[in-house]
């Protein structure tokens, strides 16, 4: 292997970001209700999500920065990938609440906002059902799933918030995998020995 320590750090930071991403995806798709015993874990999951977002953002940003040294254009590519899904401008989350505008920003921009966050909050997609395993008719059960977050950094005004879907942030980052593969090949890193990279 002919890679320098900095080159190998691309792999280390990519892996750390991928580990956080896997947990973020699982937690963001966890649908629960306040009627079930698992609701006692609600606050723990919220704190885990916030911690994982910080871990993901730091390592994802460092992986991109280091990959740029080996694969020119990685940063500009990250600056061109939007975290907002095509055709969507907002999302309705909590029941009876107004829709929230989705940030039309790049993955590079959002990662920087998370790293320098003054506020980072988790937001839940809610829906209601009448008559469930937790409460028979005519009682209503409200389900929630932590699908989004909002962030305000030291670059934003006091009332400014940027809303992002967690799954879309991860998808935008994973769209850079081809750049990381090229960077690792340039560093002489034996990717064939690490199938998790793919």
Protein backbone atom coordinates (compact mmCIF):
# COMPACT_ATOMS: atom_id res chain seq x y z
CA UNK A 1 0.00 0.00 0.00
CA UNK A 2 1.41 3.41 -0.95
CA UNK A 3 -1.07 5.65 0.84
CA UNK A 4 -0.06 8.24 3.44
CA UNK A 5 -1.67 8.47 6.84
CA UNK A 6 -3.92 11.25 5.49
CA UNK A 7 -5.02 9.00 2.65
CA UNK A 8 -5.91 6.20 5.03
CA UNK A 9 -7.90 8.69 7.09
CA UNK A 10 -10.33 8.93 4.18
CA UNK A 11 -11.22 5.31 4.87
CA UNK A 12 -11.42 5.85 8.63
CA UNK A 13 -13.73 8.86 8.39
CA UNK A 14 -15.85 7.25 5.64
CA UNK A 15 -16.34 4.18 7.82
CA UNK A 16 -17.24 6.27 10.89
CA UNK A 17 -19.78 8.25 8.86
CA UNK A 18 -21.22 5.04 7.39
CA UNK A 19 -21.60 3.48 10.85
CA UNK A 20 -23.45 6.55 12.10
CA UNK A 21 -25.55 6.60 8.91
CA UNK A 22 -26.68 3.00 9.41
CA UNK A 23 -27.89 3.79 12.94
CA UNK A 24 -29.50 7.06 11.82
CA UNK A 25 -31.46 5.28 9.12
CA UNK A 26 -32.70 2.61 11.53
CA UNK A 27 -33.78 5.08 14.21
CA UNK A 28 -35.40 7.48 11.74
CA UNK A 29 -37.66 4.66 10.52
CA UNK A 30 -38.73 3.57 13.99
CA UNK A 31 -42.52 4.15 14.26
CA UNK A 32 -43.87 4.13 17.81
CA UNK A 33 -46.81 5.36 19.86
CA UNK A 34 -47.00 6.83 23.33
CA UNK A 35 -49.37 4.00 24.30
CA UNK A 36 -46.71 1.28 24.09
CA UNK A 37 -44.04 0.47 26.72
CA UNK A 38 -41.27 1.30 24.23
CA UNK A 39 -42.28 4.95 24.47
CA UNK A 40 -40.15 5.05 27.63
CA UNK A 41 -37.16 5.03 25.25
CA UNK A 42 -38.39 8.06 23.31
CA UNK A 43 -36.08 10.62 24.92
CA UNK A 44 -33.08 8.28 24.68
CA UNK A 45 -33.71 7.80 20.97
CA UNK A 46 -34.00 11.56 20.42
CA UNK A 47 -30.67 12.15 22.16
CA UNK A 48 -29.07 9.30 20.21
CA UNK A 49 -30.26 10.82 16.94
CA UNK A 50 -28.77 14.21 17.82
CA UNK A 51 -25.47 12.62 18.83
CA UNK A 52 -25.40 10.48 15.69
CA UNK A 53 -26.06 13.50 13.47
CA UNK A 54 -23.06 15.27 14.97
CA UNK A 55 -20.87 12.18 14.55
CA UNK A 56 -22.07 11.63 11.00
CA UNK A 57 -21.61 15.25 9.94
CA UNK A 58 -18.07 15.57 11.31
CA UNK A 59 -16.82 12.33 9.78
CA UNK A 60 -18.66 12.79 6.48
CA UNK A 61 -17.19 16.27 6.06
CA UNK A 62 -13.67 15.10 6.91
CA UNK A 63 -13.97 12.15 4.50
CA UNK A 64 -14.99 14.53 1.72
CA UNK A 65 -12.17 16.97 2.51
CA UNK A 66 -9.54 14.22 2.56
CA UNK A 67 -10.92 12.54 -0.55
CA UNK A 68 -10.51 15.86 -2.39
CA UNK A 69 -6.73 15.49 -2.02
CA UNK A 70 -6.90 12.23 -3.98
CA UNK A 71 -9.94 12.72 -6.21
CA UNK A 72 -10.21 16.35 -7.30
CA UNK A 73 -13.80 17.45 -7.63
CA UNK A 74 -15.13 15.60 -4.58
CA UNK A 75 -15.96 18.81 -2.71
CA UNK A 76 -17.56 20.48 -5.73
CA UNK A 77 -19.60 17.30 -6.25
CA UNK A 78 -20.77 17.45 -2.61
CA UNK A 79 -21.65 21.11 -3.13
CA UNK A 80 -23.87 20.16 -6.08
CA UNK A 81 -25.99 17.43 -4.43
CA UNK A 82 -29.18 18.75 -2.84
CA UNK A 83 -30.62 17.26 0.33
CA UNK A 84 -34.13 18.23 -0.75
CA UNK A 85 -36.00 15.51 -2.66
CA UNK A 86 -36.93 16.39 -6.22
CA UNK A 87 -40.37 17.94 -6.47
CA UNK A 88 -40.86 18.54 -2.74
CA UNK A 89 -40.63 21.92 -1.07
CA UNK A 90 -42.07 21.15 2.36
CA UNK A 91 -43.21 18.38 4.68
CA UNK A 92 -46.16 18.01 7.02
CA UNK A 93 -44.92 16.55 10.28
CA UNK A 94 -46.88 16.93 13.53
CA UNK A 95 -50.66 16.58 13.33
CA UNK A 96 -52.46 19.94 13.12
CA UNK A 97 -49.19 21.79 12.50
CA UNK A 98 -48.26 23.78 9.41
CA UNK A 99 -45.99 22.23 6.81
CA UNK A 100 -42.28 22.94 7.26
CA UNK A 101 -40.16 24.16 4.31
CA UNK A 102 -37.38 21.75 3.37
CA UNK A 103 -33.91 23.26 3.01
CA UNK A 104 -32.85 23.59 -0.62
CA UNK A 105 -29.16 23.26 0.15
CA UNK A 106 -26.30 20.94 -0.69
CA UNK A 107 -25.10 18.07 1.47
CA UNK A 108 -21.80 19.97 1.93
CA UNK A 109 -23.68 23.03 3.21
CA UNK A 110 -25.88 21.07 5.61
CA UNK A 111 -22.93 19.11 7.03
CA UNK A 112 -21.27 22.43 7.87
CA UNK A 113 -24.44 23.70 9.55
CA UNK A 114 -24.66 20.57 11.73
CA UNK A 115 -20.99 20.81 12.72
CA UNK A 116 -21.44 24.44 13.79
CA UNK A 117 -24.96 23.94 15.18
CA UNK A 118 -26.27 26.12 17.98
CA UNK A 119 -29.56 24.24 17.87
CA UNK A 120 -30.27 20.77 16.50
CA UNK A 121 -33.78 19.39 16.94
CA UNK A 122 -35.50 16.16 15.88
CA UNK A 123 -38.94 16.35 14.26
CA UNK A 124 -41.51 13.57 14.07
CA UNK A 125 -43.89 12.54 11.33
CA UNK A 126 -47.22 11.83 13.02
CA UNK A 127 -50.31 9.93 11.94
CA UNK A 128 -53.37 8.70 13.81
CA UNK A 129 -55.43 5.50 13.70
CA UNK A 130 -58.79 4.68 15.27
CA UNK A 131 -58.84 1.27 16.90
CA UNK A 132 -55.42 -0.36 17.22
CA UNK A 133 -53.74 -3.10 19.19
CA UNK A 134 -52.96 -0.42 21.79
CA UNK A 135 -56.43 1.12 22.08
CA UNK A 136 -59.74 -0.28 20.70
CA UNK A 137 -62.35 1.85 18.94
CA UNK A 138 -63.35 4.62 19.39
CA UNK A 139 -59.98 5.56 20.90
CA UNK A 140 -57.29 7.13 18.73
CA UNK A 141 -53.66 6.06 18.72
CA UNK A 142 -51.07 8.56 17.50
CA UNK A 143 -47.94 7.15 15.88
CA UNK A 144 -44.72 9.07 15.37
CA UNK A 145 -41.50 8.53 13.47
CA UNK A 146 -38.38 10.78 13.74
CA UNK A 147 -37.90 11.45 10.03
CA UNK A 148 -36.44 14.98 10.05
CA UNK A 149 -34.26 17.46 11.89
CA UNK A 150 -33.86 21.22 11.97
CA UNK A 151 -30.60 23.02 12.49
CA UNK A 152 -29.50 26.55 13.29
CA UNK A 153 -25.81 27.37 13.31
CA UNK A 154 -23.77 30.39 14.33
CA UNK A 155 -24.10 31.54 10.70
CA UNK A 156 -27.91 31.83 10.97
CA UNK A 157 -30.27 34.39 12.44
CA UNK A 158 -31.97 33.68 15.79
CA UNK A 159 -35.24 32.61 14.14
CA UNK A 160 -33.74 30.80 11.16
CA UNK A 161 -34.13 27.00 10.96
CA UNK A 162 -33.19 24.60 8.17
CA UNK A 163 -35.41 21.50 7.94
CA UNK A 164 -33.92 18.32 6.43
CA UNK A 165 -35.20 14.77 6.02
CA UNK A 166 -32.70 12.39 7.64
CA UNK A 167 -32.96 9.77 4.88
CA UNK A 168 -32.35 12.41 2.20
CA UNK A 169 -29.22 13.67 3.95
CA UNK A 170 -27.85 10.13 4.02
CA UNK A 171 -28.79 9.49 0.39
CA UNK A 172 -27.04 12.70 -0.68
CA UNK A 173 -23.86 11.66 1.12
CA UNK A 174 -23.95 8.11 -0.24
CA UNK A 175 -24.19 9.54 -3.76
CA UNK A 176 -20.48 10.35 -3.28
CA UNK A 177 -19.46 6.70 -2.88
CA UNK A 178 -17.95 6.60 -6.36
CA UNK A 179 -15.64 9.47 -5.41
CA UNK A 180 -14.53 7.66 -2.28
CA UNK A 181 -13.84 4.47 -4.24
CA UNK A 182 -11.62 6.40 -6.66
CA UNK A 183 -9.86 8.14 -3.77
CA UNK A 184 -9.15 4.85 -2.05
CA UNK A 185 -7.85 3.28 -5.25
CA UNK A 186 -5.58 6.29 -5.72
CA UNK A 187 -4.28 5.77 -2.17
CA UNK A 188 -3.58 2.10 -2.88
CA UNK A 189 -6.10 0.96 -0.29
CA UNK A 190 -7.17 -2.69 -0.81
CA UNK A 191 -10.92 -2.17 -1.02
CA UNK A 192 -11.47 -5.78 -2.09
CA UNK A 193 -10.61 -6.77 1.48
CA UNK A 194 -13.34 -4.53 2.86
CA UNK A 195 -16.64 -5.49 1.26
CA UNK A 196 -18.60 -3.19 3.62
CA UNK A 197 -17.29 -0.24 1.64
CA UNK A 198 -19.60 -1.23 -1.19
